[in-house]
All heavy atoms as atom14 arrays in JSON, in Angstrom:
{
  "sequence": "INEQPPVRHLRITVVEMETGRLRVFGNSPDSSPGSRCEHVAITLDHI",
  "atom14_mask": [
    [1, 1, 1, 1, 1, 1, 1, 1, 0, 0, 0, 0, 0, 0],
    [1, 1, 1, 1, 1, 1, 1, 1, 0, 0, 0, 0, 0, 0],
    [1, 1, 1, 1, 1, 1, 1, 1, 1, 0, 0, 0, 0, 0],
    [1, 1, 1, 1, 1, 1, 1, 1, 1, 0, 0, 0, 0, 0],
    [1, 1, 1, 1, 1, 1, 1, 0, 0, 0, 0, 0, 0, 0],
    [1, 1, 1, 1, 1, 1, 1, 0, 0, 0, 0, 0, 0, 0],
    [1, 1, 1, 1, 1, 1, 1, 0, 0, 0, 0, 0, 0, 0],
    [1, 1, 1, 1, 1, 1, 1, 1, 1, 1, 1, 0, 0, 0],
    [1, 1, 1, 1, 1, 1, 1, 1, 1, 1, 0, 0, 0, 0],
    [1, 1, 1, 1, 1, 1, 1, 1, 0, 0, 0, 0, 0, 0],
    [1, 1, 1, 1, 1, 1, 1, 1, 1, 1, 1, 0, 0, 0],
    [1, 1, 1, 1, 1, 1, 1, 1, 0, 0, 0, 0, 0, 0],
    [1, 1, 1, 1, 1, 1, 1, 0, 0, 0, 0, 0, 0, 0],
    [1, 1, 1, 1, 1, 1, 1, 0, 0, 0, 0, 0, 0, 0],
    [1, 1, 1, 1, 1, 1, 1, 0, 0, 0, 0, 0, 0, 0],
    [1, 1, 1, 1, 1, 1, 1, 1, 1, 0, 0, 0, 0, 0],
    [1, 1, 1, 1, 1, 1, 1, 1, 0, 0, 0, 0, 0, 0],
    [1, 1, 1, 1, 1, 1, 1, 1, 1, 0, 0, 0, 0, 0],
    [1, 1, 1, 1, 1, 1, 1, 0, 0, 0, 0, 0, 0, 0],
    [1, 1, 1, 1, 0, 0, 0, 0, 0, 0, 0, 0, 0, 0],
    [1, 1, 1, 1, 1, 1, 1, 1, 1, 1, 1, 0, 0, 0],
    [1, 1, 1, 1, 1, 1, 1, 1, 0, 0, 0, 0, 0, 0],
    [1, 1, 1, 1, 1, 1, 1, 1, 1, 1, 1, 0, 0, 0],
    [1, 1, 1, 1, 1, 1, 1, 0, 0, 0, 0, 0, 0, 0],
    [1, 1, 1, 1, 1, 1, 1, 1, 1, 1, 1, 0, 0, 0],
    [1, 1, 1, 1, 0, 0, 0, 0, 0, 0, 0, 0, 0, 0],
    [1, 1, 1, 1, 1, 1, 1, 1, 0, 0, 0, 0, 0, 0],
    [1, 1, 1, 1, 1, 1, 0, 0, 0, 0, 0, 0, 0, 0],
    [1, 1, 1, 1, 1, 1, 1, 0, 0, 0, 0, 0, 0, 0],
    [1, 1, 1, 1, 1, 1, 1, 1, 0, 0, 0, 0, 0, 0],
    [1, 1, 1, 1, 1, 1, 0, 0, 0, 0, 0, 0, 0, 0],
    [1, 1, 1, 1, 1, 1, 0, 0, 0, 0, 0, 0, 0, 0],
    [1, 1, 1, 1, 1, 1, 1, 0, 0, 0, 0, 0, 0, 0],
    [1, 1, 1, 1, 0, 0, 0, 0, 0, 0, 0, 0, 0, 0],
    [1, 1, 1, 1, 1, 1, 0, 0, 0, 0, 0, 0, 0, 0],
    [1, 1, 1, 1, 1, 1, 1, 1, 1, 1, 1, 0, 0, 0],
    [1, 1, 1, 1, 1, 1, 0, 0, 0, 0, 0, 0, 0, 0],
    [1, 1, 1, 1, 1, 1, 1, 1, 1, 0, 0, 0, 0, 0],
    [1, 1, 1, 1, 1, 1, 1, 1, 1, 1, 0, 0, 0, 0],
    [1, 1, 1, 1, 1, 1, 1, 0, 0, 0, 0, 0, 0, 0],
    [1, 1, 1, 1, 1, 0, 0, 0, 0, 0, 0, 0, 0, 0],
    [1, 1, 1, 1, 1, 1, 1, 1, 0, 0, 0, 0, 0, 0],
    [1, 1, 1, 1, 1, 1, 1, 0, 0, 0, 0, 0, 0, 0],
    [1, 1, 1, 1, 1, 1, 1, 1, 0, 0, 0, 0, 0, 0],
    [1, 1, 1, 1, 1, 1, 1, 1, 0, 0, 0, 0, 0, 0],
    [1, 1, 1, 1, 1, 1, 1, 1, 1, 1, 0, 0, 0, 0],
    [1, 1, 1, 1, 1, 1, 1, 1, 0, 0, 0, 0, 0, 0]
  ],
  "atom14_positions": [
    [[15.82, 7.18, -3.29], [14.94, 6.11, -3.76], [14.3, 6.49, -5.08], [14.17, 5.66, -5.99], [13.87, 5.81, -2.71], [14.47, 5.17, -1.47], [12.76, 4.9, -3.31], [13.5, 5.0, -0.33], [0.0, 0.0, 0.0], [0.0, 0.0, 0.0], [0.0, 0.0, 0.0], [0.0, 0.0, 0.0], [0.0, 0.0, 0.0], [0.0, 0.0, 0.0]],
    [[13.91, 7.76, -5.22], [13.13, 8.21, -6.39], [13.97, 8.86, -7.47], [13.43, 9.53, -8.35], [12.04, 9.15, -5.9], [11.03, 8.46, -5.0], [10.42, 7.48, -5.38], [10.92, 8.92, -3.77], [0.0, 0.0, 0.0], [0.0, 0.0, 0.0], [0.0, 0.0, 0.0], [0.0, 0.0, 0.0], [0.0, 0.0, 0.0], [0.0, 0.0, 0.0]],
    [[15.28, 8.67, -7.44], [16.11, 9.13, -8.56], [15.68, 8.48, -9.86], [15.13, 7.36, -9.88], [17.6, 8.76, -8.28], [18.29, 9.6, -7.24], [19.74, 9.16, -7.04], [20.11, 8.11, -7.6], [20.46, 9.85, -6.34], [0.0, 0.0, 0.0], [0.0, 0.0, 0.0], [0.0, 0.0, 0.0], [0.0, 0.0, 0.0], [0.0, 0.0, 0.0]],
    [[15.92, 9.16, -10.95], [15.62, 8.62, -12.27], [16.85, 8.61, -13.16], [17.4, 9.66, -13.44], [14.48, 9.43, -12.93], [13.16, 9.28, -12.24], [12.66, 7.84, -12.25], [12.85, 7.09, -13.23], [12.07, 7.4, -11.15], [0.0, 0.0, 0.0], [0.0, 0.0, 0.0], [0.0, 0.0, 0.0], [0.0, 0.0, 0.0], [0.0, 0.0, 0.0]],
    [[17.29, 7.45, -13.59], [16.78, 6.13, -13.2], [17.17, 5.79, -11.77], [18.2, 6.25, -11.29], [17.44, 5.19, -14.21], [18.74, 5.83, -14.52], [18.46, 7.32, -14.52], [0.0, 0.0, 0.0], [0.0, 0.0, 0.0], [0.0, 0.0, 0.0], [0.0, 0.0, 0.0], [0.0, 0.0, 0.0], [0.0, 0.0, 0.0], [0.0, 0.0, 0.0]],
    [[16.38, 4.98, -11.09], [16.7, 4.64, -9.7], [17.9, 3.71, -9.61], [18.17, 2.94, -10.52], [15.42, 3.91, -9.23], [14.84, 3.34, -10.48], [15.15, 4.34, -11.57], [0.0, 0.0, 0.0], [0.0, 0.0, 0.0], [0.0, 0.0, 0.0], [0.0, 0.0, 0.0], [0.0, 0.0, 0.0], [0.0, 0.0, 0.0], [0.0, 0.0, 0.0]],
    [[18.6, 3.85, -8.48], [19.73, 2.93, -8.23], [19.2, 1.51, -8.03], [19.81, 0.55, -8.47], [20.5, 3.4, -6.97], [21.61, 2.4, -6.62], [21.08, 4.78, -7.18], [0.0, 0.0, 0.0], [0.0, 0.0, 0.0], [0.0, 0.0, 0.0], [0.0, 0.0, 0.0], [0.0, 0.0, 0.0], [0.0, 0.0, 0.0], [0.0, 0.0, 0.0]],
    [[18.04, 1.41, -7.36], [17.38, 0.11, -7.2], [15.9, 0.31, -7.56], [15.27, 1.29, -7.17], [17.47, -0.4, -5.75], [18.89, -0.68, -5.27], [19.41, -2.0, -5.82], [20.68, -2.36, -5.21], [21.87, -1.94, -5.65], [21.91, -1.14, -6.68], [22.98, -2.34, -5.04], [0.0, 0.0, 0.0], [0.0, 0.0, 0.0], [0.0, 0.0, 0.0]],
    [[15.31, -0.66, -8.26], [13.88, -0.63, -8.53], [13.17, -1.18, -7.3], [13.3, -2.36, -6.97], [13.55, -1.49, -9.75], [14.18, -0.98, -11.02], [13.57, -0.05, -11.81], [15.38, -1.26, -11.61], [14.35, 0.24, -12.85], [15.45, -0.51, -12.76], [0.0, 0.0, 0.0], [0.0, 0.0, 0.0], [0.0, 0.0, 0.0], [0.0, 0.0, 0.0]],
    [[12.44, -0.32, -6.6], [11.8, -0.71, -5.34], [10.32, -0.94, -5.52], [9.64, -0.14, -6.19], [12.02, 0.43, -4.3], [11.41, 0.18, -2.92], [12.03, -1.03, -2.23], [11.59, 1.43, -2.03], [0.0, 0.0, 0.0], [0.0, 0.0, 0.0], [0.0, 0.0, 0.0], [0.0, 0.0, 0.0], [0.0, 0.0, 0.0], [0.0, 0.0, 0.0]],
    [[9.85, -2.03, -4.96], [8.39, -2.34, -4.98], [7.94, -2.57, -3.54], [8.57, -3.34, -2.81], [8.12, -3.6, -5.8], [8.63, -3.54, -7.24], [7.82, -2.56, -8.08], [8.27, -2.52, -9.47], [9.14, -1.62, -9.94], [9.66, -0.69, -9.12], [9.5, -1.62, -11.22], [0.0, 0.0, 0.0], [0.0, 0.0, 0.0], [0.0, 0.0, 0.0]],
    [[6.86, -1.89, -3.15], [6.31, -1.99, -1.78], [4.86, -2.42, -1.9], [4.1, -1.8, -2.63], [6.46, -0.67, -1.04], [7.94, -0.37, -0.75], [5.65, -0.67, 0.26], [8.18, 0.97, -0.09], [0.0, 0.0, 0.0], [0.0, 0.0, 0.0], [0.0, 0.0, 0.0], [0.0, 0.0, 0.0], [0.0, 0.0, 0.0], [0.0, 0.0, 0.0]],
    [[4.48, -3.42, -1.12], [3.1, -3.91, -1.16], [2.29, -3.42, 0.04], [2.81, -3.37, 1.16], [3.04, -5.44, -1.23], [3.58, -5.96, 0.0], [3.83, -5.95, -2.4], [0.0, 0.0, 0.0], [0.0, 0.0, 0.0], [0.0, 0.0, 0.0], [0.0, 0.0, 0.0], [0.0, 0.0, 0.0], [0.0, 0.0, 0.0], [0.0, 0.0, 0.0]],
    [[1.05, -3.08, -0.21], [0.08, -2.67, 0.82], [-1.27, -3.26, 0.46], [-1.49, -3.75, -0.63], [-0.01, -1.11, 0.92], [1.32, -0.5, 1.32], [-0.49, -0.53, -0.38], [0.0, 0.0, 0.0], [0.0, 0.0, 0.0], [0.0, 0.0, 0.0], [0.0, 0.0, 0.0], [0.0, 0.0, 0.0], [0.0, 0.0, 0.0], [0.0, 0.0, 0.0]],
    [[-2.21, -3.16, 1.41], [-3.56, -3.65, 1.2], [-4.55, -2.56, 1.54], [-4.47, -1.95, 2.62], [-3.84, -4.89, 2.08], [-5.29, -5.32, 2.02], [-2.95, -6.06, 1.66], [0.0, 0.0, 0.0], [0.0, 0.0, 0.0], [0.0, 0.0, 0.0], [0.0, 0.0, 0.0], [0.0, 0.0, 0.0], [0.0, 0.0, 0.0], [0.0, 0.0, 0.0]],
    [[-5.48, -2.31, 0.66], [-6.54, -1.35, 0.92], [-7.41, -1.87, 2.08], [-7.91, -2.98, 2.0], [-7.41, -1.11, -0.3], [-6.75, -0.28, -1.37], [-7.71, 0.04, -2.52], [-8.9, -0.4, -2.44], [-7.3, 0.71, -3.46], [0.0, 0.0, 0.0], [0.0, 0.0, 0.0], [0.0, 0.0, 0.0], [0.0, 0.0, 0.0], [0.0, 0.0, 0.0]],
    [[-7.56, -1.07, 3.12], [-8.29, -1.54, 4.27], [-9.74, -1.82, 3.97], [-10.32, -2.8, 4.46], [-8.19, -0.46, 5.39], [-8.74, -0.9, 6.73], [-8.6, 0.4, 7.92], [-9.76, 1.59, 7.27], [0.0, 0.0, 0.0], [0.0, 0.0, 0.0], [0.0, 0.0, 0.0], [0.0, 0.0, 0.0], [0.0, 0.0, 0.0], [0.0, 0.0, 0.0]],
    [[-10.39, -0.97, 3.17], [-11.81, -1.12, 2.92], [-12.17, -2.25, 1.98], [-13.24, -2.86, 2.07], [-12.36, 0.2, 2.38], [-12.26, 1.4, 3.3], [-13.18, 1.27, 4.52], [-14.1, 0.43, 4.49], [-13.0, 2.06, 5.47], [0.0, 0.0, 0.0], [0.0, 0.0, 0.0], [0.0, 0.0, 0.0], [0.0, 0.0, 0.0], [0.0, 0.0, 0.0]],
    [[-11.26, -2.57, 1.05], [-11.59, -3.54, 0.02], [-10.77, -4.83, 0.1], [-11.15, -5.85, -0.48], [-11.36, -2.96, -1.38], [-9.95, -2.69, -1.57], [-12.12, -1.65, -1.57], [0.0, 0.0, 0.0], [0.0, 0.0, 0.0], [0.0, 0.0, 0.0], [0.0, 0.0, 0.0], [0.0, 0.0, 0.0], [0.0, 0.0, 0.0], [0.0, 0.0, 0.0]],
    [[-9.63, -4.8, 0.81], [-8.75, -5.95, 0.86], [-7.93, -6.15, -0.4], [-7.29, -7.18, -0.57], [0.0, 0.0, 0.0], [0.0, 0.0, 0.0], [0.0, 0.0, 0.0], [0.0, 0.0, 0.0], [0.0, 0.0, 0.0], [0.0, 0.0, 0.0], [0.0, 0.0, 0.0], [0.0, 0.0, 0.0], [0.0, 0.0, 0.0], [0.0, 0.0, 0.0]],
    [[-7.92, -5.15, -1.26], [-7.19, -5.26, -2.55], [-5.71, -5.01, -2.35], [-5.3, -4.01, -1.72], [-7.76, -4.26, -3.56], [-7.09, -4.34, -4.95], [-7.91, -3.57, -5.96], [-7.87, -2.15, -5.79], [-7.05, -1.31, -6.45], [-6.22, -1.77, -7.36], [-7.1, -0.02, -6.22], [0.0, 0.0, 0.0], [0.0, 0.0, 0.0], [0.0, 0.0, 0.0]],
    [[-4.91, -5.92, -2.86], [-3.44, -5.75, -2.8], [-3.01, -4.71, -3.83], [-3.42, -4.77, -5.0], [-2.73, -7.07, -3.09], [-1.19, -7.04, -3.08], [-0.7, -6.82, -1.66], [-0.62, -8.31, -3.66], [0.0, 0.0, 0.0], [0.0, 0.0, 0.0], [0.0, 0.0, 0.0], [0.0, 0.0, 0.0], [0.0, 0.0, 0.0], [0.0, 0.0, 0.0]],
    [[-2.18, -3.78, -3.4], [-1.61, -2.79, -4.32], [-0.12, -2.77, -4.2], [0.44, -3.01, -3.11], [-2.19, -1.4, -4.04], [-3.67, -1.33, -4.39], [-4.31, 0.0, -4.06], [-3.75, 1.1, -4.83], [-4.17, 2.36, -4.73], [-5.15, 2.66, -3.86], [-3.63, 3.31, -5.46], [0.0, 0.0, 0.0], [0.0, 0.0, 0.0], [0.0, 0.0, 0.0]],
    [[0.55, -2.55, -5.31], [2.01, -2.56, -5.37], [2.47, -1.18, -5.86], [2.1, -0.75, -6.95], [2.55, -3.64, -6.32], [4.07, -3.62, -6.36], [2.03, -5.01, -5.94], [0.0, 0.0, 0.0], [0.0, 0.0, 0.0], [0.0, 0.0, 0.0], [0.0, 0.0, 0.0], [0.0, 0.0, 0.0], [0.0, 0.0, 0.0], [0.0, 0.0, 0.0]],
    [[3.25, -0.48, -5.03], [3.78, 0.82, -5.39], [5.25, 0.67, -5.76], [5.99, -0.05, -5.08], [3.65, 1.81, -4.23], [2.22, 2.16, -3.89], [1.7, 1.84, -2.65], [1.41, 2.81, -4.81], [0.38, 2.16, -2.32], [0.09, 3.13, -4.51], [-0.42, 2.82, -3.25], [0.0, 0.0, 0.0], [0.0, 0.0, 0.0], [0.0, 0.0, 0.0]],
    [[5.67, 1.32, -6.85], [7.05, 1.21, -7.31], [7.63, 2.55, -7.69], [6.93, 3.45, -8.11], [0.0, 0.0, 0.0], [0.0, 0.0, 0.0], [0.0, 0.0, 0.0], [0.0, 0.0, 0.0], [0.0, 0.0, 0.0], [0.0, 0.0, 0.0], [0.0, 0.0, 0.0], [0.0, 0.0, 0.0], [0.0, 0.0, 0.0], [0.0, 0.0, 0.0]],
    [[8.94, 2.69, -7.53], [9.64, 3.92, -7.89], [9.98, 3.95, -9.36], [10.64, 4.9, -9.85], [10.89, 4.13, -7.04], [11.93, 3.02, -7.27], [11.65, 1.98, -7.85], [13.14, 3.27, -6.8], [0.0, 0.0, 0.0], [0.0, 0.0, 0.0], [0.0, 0.0, 0.0], [0.0, 0.0, 0.0], [0.0, 0.0, 0.0], [0.0, 0.0, 0.0]],
    [[9.54, 2.93, -10.13], [9.75, 2.89, -11.6], [8.62, 2.05, -12.16], [8.05, 1.2, -11.43], [11.11, 2.29, -11.92], [11.2, 0.95, -11.45], [0.0, 0.0, 0.0], [0.0, 0.0, 0.0], [0.0, 0.0, 0.0], [0.0, 0.0, 0.0], [0.0, 0.0, 0.0], [0.0, 0.0, 0.0], [0.0, 0.0, 0.0], [0.0, 0.0, 0.0]],
    [[8.31, 2.21, -13.43], [7.23, 1.39, -14.03], [7.73, 0.03, -14.43], [8.92, -0.19, -14.65], [6.83, 2.24, -15.26], [8.09, 2.95, -15.63], [8.81, 3.24, -14.34], [0.0, 0.0, 0.0], [0.0, 0.0, 0.0], [0.0, 0.0, 0.0], [0.0, 0.0, 0.0], [0.0, 0.0, 0.0], [0.0, 0.0, 0.0], [0.0, 0.0, 0.0]],
    [[6.79, -0.92, -14.52], [7.07, -2.24, -15.03], [6.77, -2.26, -16.54], [5.85, -1.6, -17.0], [6.22, -3.31, -14.34], [6.74, -3.67, -12.98], [7.91, -3.35, -12.68], [5.96, -4.24, -12.18], [0.0, 0.0, 0.0], [0.0, 0.0, 0.0], [0.0, 0.0, 0.0], [0.0, 0.0, 0.0], [0.0, 0.0, 0.0], [0.0, 0.0, 0.0]],
    [[7.52, -3.07, -17.26], [7.28, -3.23, -18.68], [6.43, -4.47, -19.0], [5.92, -4.63, -20.11], [8.59, -3.33, -19.46], [9.36, -4.41, -18.98], [0.0, 0.0, 0.0], [0.0, 0.0, 0.0], [0.0, 0.0, 0.0], [0.0, 0.0, 0.0], [0.0, 0.0, 0.0], [0.0, 0.0, 0.0], [0.0, 0.0, 0.0], [0.0, 0.0, 0.0]],
    [[6.24, -5.34, -18.0], [5.49, -6.56, -18.2], [4.01, -6.3, -18.43], [3.42, -5.48, -17.69], [5.65, -7.49, -17.0], [7.0, -7.82, -16.77], [0.0, 0.0, 0.0], [0.0, 0.0, 0.0], [0.0, 0.0, 0.0], [0.0, 0.0, 0.0], [0.0, 0.0, 0.0], [0.0, 0.0, 0.0], [0.0, 0.0, 0.0], [0.0, 0.0, 0.0]],
    [[3.4, -6.93, -19.42], [1.95, -6.76, -19.63], [1.16, -7.28, -18.45], [1.47, -8.34, -17.92], [1.69, -7.59, -20.9], [2.79, -8.57, -20.97], [4.0, -7.9, -20.37], [0.0, 0.0, 0.0], [0.0, 0.0, 0.0], [0.0, 0.0, 0.0], [0.0, 0.0, 0.0], [0.0, 0.0, 0.0], [0.0, 0.0, 0.0], [0.0, 0.0, 0.0]],
    [[0.18, -6.54, -18.01], [-0.66, -6.98, -16.9], [-0.08, -6.72, -15.53], [-0.67, -7.13, -14.53], [0.0, 0.0, 0.0], [0.0, 0.0, 0.0], [0.0, 0.0, 0.0], [0.0, 0.0, 0.0], [0.0, 0.0, 0.0], [0.0, 0.0, 0.0], [0.0, 0.0, 0.0], [0.0, 0.0, 0.0], [0.0, 0.0, 0.0], [0.0, 0.0, 0.0]],
    [[1.08, -6.04, -15.46], [1.64, -5.74, -14.14], [0.72, -4.83, -13.33], [0.09, -3.93, -13.86], [3.01, -5.04, -14.32], [3.46, -4.53, -13.08], [0.0, 0.0, 0.0], [0.0, 0.0, 0.0], [0.0, 0.0, 0.0], [0.0, 0.0, 0.0], [0.0, 0.0, 0.0], [0.0, 0.0, 0.0], [0.0, 0.0, 0.0], [0.0, 0.0, 0.0]],
    [[0.68, -5.11, -12.01], [-0.16, -4.3, -11.15], [0.61, -3.15, -10.48], [0.05, -2.42, -9.68], [-0.83, -5.16, -10.08], [0.15, -5.75, -9.05], [-0.59, -6.49, -7.96], [-1.25, -7.66, -8.44], [-2.08, -8.41, -7.71], [-2.34, -8.06, -6.47], [-2.64, -9.48, -8.23], [0.0, 0.0, 0.0], [0.0, 0.0, 0.0], [0.0, 0.0, 0.0]],
    [[1.89, -3.0, -10.79], [2.71, -1.99, -10.14], [2.26, -0.59, -10.52], [2.05, -0.29, -11.68], [4.18, -2.19, -10.51], [5.28, -0.95, -9.79], [0.0, 0.0, 0.0], [0.0, 0.0, 0.0], [0.0, 0.0, 0.0], [0.0, 0.0, 0.0], [0.0, 0.0, 0.0], [0.0, 0.0, 0.0], [0.0, 0.0, 0.0], [0.0, 0.0, 0.0]],
    [[2.11, 0.29, -9.52], [1.75, 1.7, -9.73], [3.0, 2.55, -9.53], [3.59, 2.56, -8.46], [0.67, 2.1, -8.74], [-0.59, 1.26, -8.81], [-1.58, 1.62, -7.71], [-1.75, 2.81, -7.41], [-2.18, 0.68, -7.13], [0.0, 0.0, 0.0], [0.0, 0.0, 0.0], [0.0, 0.0, 0.0], [0.0, 0.0, 0.0], [0.0, 0.0, 0.0]],
    [[3.42, 3.24, -10.59], [4.61, 4.06, -10.52], [4.31, 5.34, -9.75], [3.51, 6.18, -10.2], [5.09, 4.38, -11.92], [6.36, 5.2, -11.97], [6.76, 5.89, -13.07], [7.28, 5.45, -10.99], [7.9, 6.52, -12.81], [8.22, 6.25, -11.56], [0.0, 0.0, 0.0], [0.0, 0.0, 0.0], [0.0, 0.0, 0.0], [0.0, 0.0, 0.0]],
    [[4.93, 5.51, -8.57], [4.73, 6.69, -7.73], [6.07, 7.09, -7.13], [7.06, 6.35, -7.2], [3.73, 6.4, -6.6], [2.36, 6.0, -7.12], [4.26, 5.34, -5.64], [0.0, 0.0, 0.0], [0.0, 0.0, 0.0], [0.0, 0.0, 0.0], [0.0, 0.0, 0.0], [0.0, 0.0, 0.0], [0.0, 0.0, 0.0], [0.0, 0.0, 0.0]],
    [[6.1, 8.27, -6.53], [7.24, 8.67, -5.72], [7.06, 8.04, -4.35], [6.12, 8.33, -3.62], [7.32, 10.18, -5.62], [0.0, 0.0, 0.0], [0.0, 0.0, 0.0], [0.0, 0.0, 0.0], [0.0, 0.0, 0.0], [0.0, 0.0, 0.0], [0.0, 0.0, 0.0], [0.0, 0.0, 0.0], [0.0, 0.0, 0.0], [0.0, 0.0, 0.0]],
    [[7.98, 7.13, -4.0], [7.87, 6.4, -2.72], [8.13, 7.37, -1.58], [9.14, 8.12, -1.56], [8.85, 5.24, -2.65], [8.57, 4.22, -3.78], [8.8, 4.56, -1.28], [7.24, 3.53, -3.67], [0.0, 0.0, 0.0], [0.0, 0.0, 0.0], [0.0, 0.0, 0.0], [0.0, 0.0, 0.0], [0.0, 0.0, 0.0], [0.0, 0.0, 0.0]],
    [[7.25, 7.38, -0.58], [7.37, 8.25, 0.58], [7.42, 7.4, 1.87], [7.19, 6.17, 1.83], [6.2, 9.24, 0.68], [5.01, 8.48, 0.96], [6.05, 10.01, -0.62], [0.0, 0.0, 0.0], [0.0, 0.0, 0.0], [0.0, 0.0, 0.0], [0.0, 0.0, 0.0], [0.0, 0.0, 0.0], [0.0, 0.0, 0.0], [0.0, 0.0, 0.0]],
    [[7.61, 8.05, 3.0], [7.56, 7.37, 4.29], [6.18, 6.75, 4.51], [6.08, 5.68, 5.14], [7.88, 8.33, 5.43], [9.35, 8.7, 5.63], [9.48, 9.77, 6.68], [10.16, 7.47, 6.04], [0.0, 0.0, 0.0], [0.0, 0.0, 0.0], [0.0, 0.0, 0.0], [0.0, 0.0, 0.0], [0.0, 0.0, 0.0], [0.0, 0.0, 0.0]],
    [[5.14, 7.4, 4.01], [3.78, 6.86, 4.19], [3.65, 5.5, 3.51], [2.98, 4.61, 4.05], [2.76, 7.83, 3.64], [2.56, 9.07, 4.51], [2.84, 8.95, 5.73], [2.15, 10.11, 4.03], [0.0, 0.0, 0.0], [0.0, 0.0, 0.0], [0.0, 0.0, 0.0], [0.0, 0.0, 0.0], [0.0, 0.0, 0.0], [0.0, 0.0, 0.0]],
    [[4.23, 5.33, 2.32], [4.15, 4.03, 1.66], [4.84, 2.94, 2.49], [4.34, 1.82, 2.59], [4.8, 4.1, 0.26], [4.07, 4.98, -0.71], [4.4, 6.29, -0.92], [2.98, 4.71, -1.5], [3.6, 6.8, -1.82], [2.72, 5.88, -2.18], [0.0, 0.0, 0.0], [0.0, 0.0, 0.0], [0.0, 0.0, 0.0], [0.0, 0.0, 0.0]],
    [[5.98, 3.31, 3.08], [6.74, 2.33, 3.88], [5.95, 1.98, 5.13], [5.81, 0.8, 5.47], [8.13, 2.92, 4.23], [8.92, 3.18, 2.95], [8.89, 1.93, 5.15], [10.16, 4.01, 3.18], [0.0, 0.0, 0.0], [0.0, 0.0, 0.0], [0.0, 0.0, 0.0], [0.0, 0.0, 0.0], [0.0, 0.0, 0.0], [0.0, 0.0, 0.0]]
  ]
}
């Protein structure tokens, strides 16, 4: 999943329990201005 460049650009969504804020984790960065994607190494915990 975390190869560079990745075979597939993966985006996983989660919600912060305390704040209700939606967060998007990705195995690659977005180029779009204003994107909320956070480039991280995707783990089982994210899934």
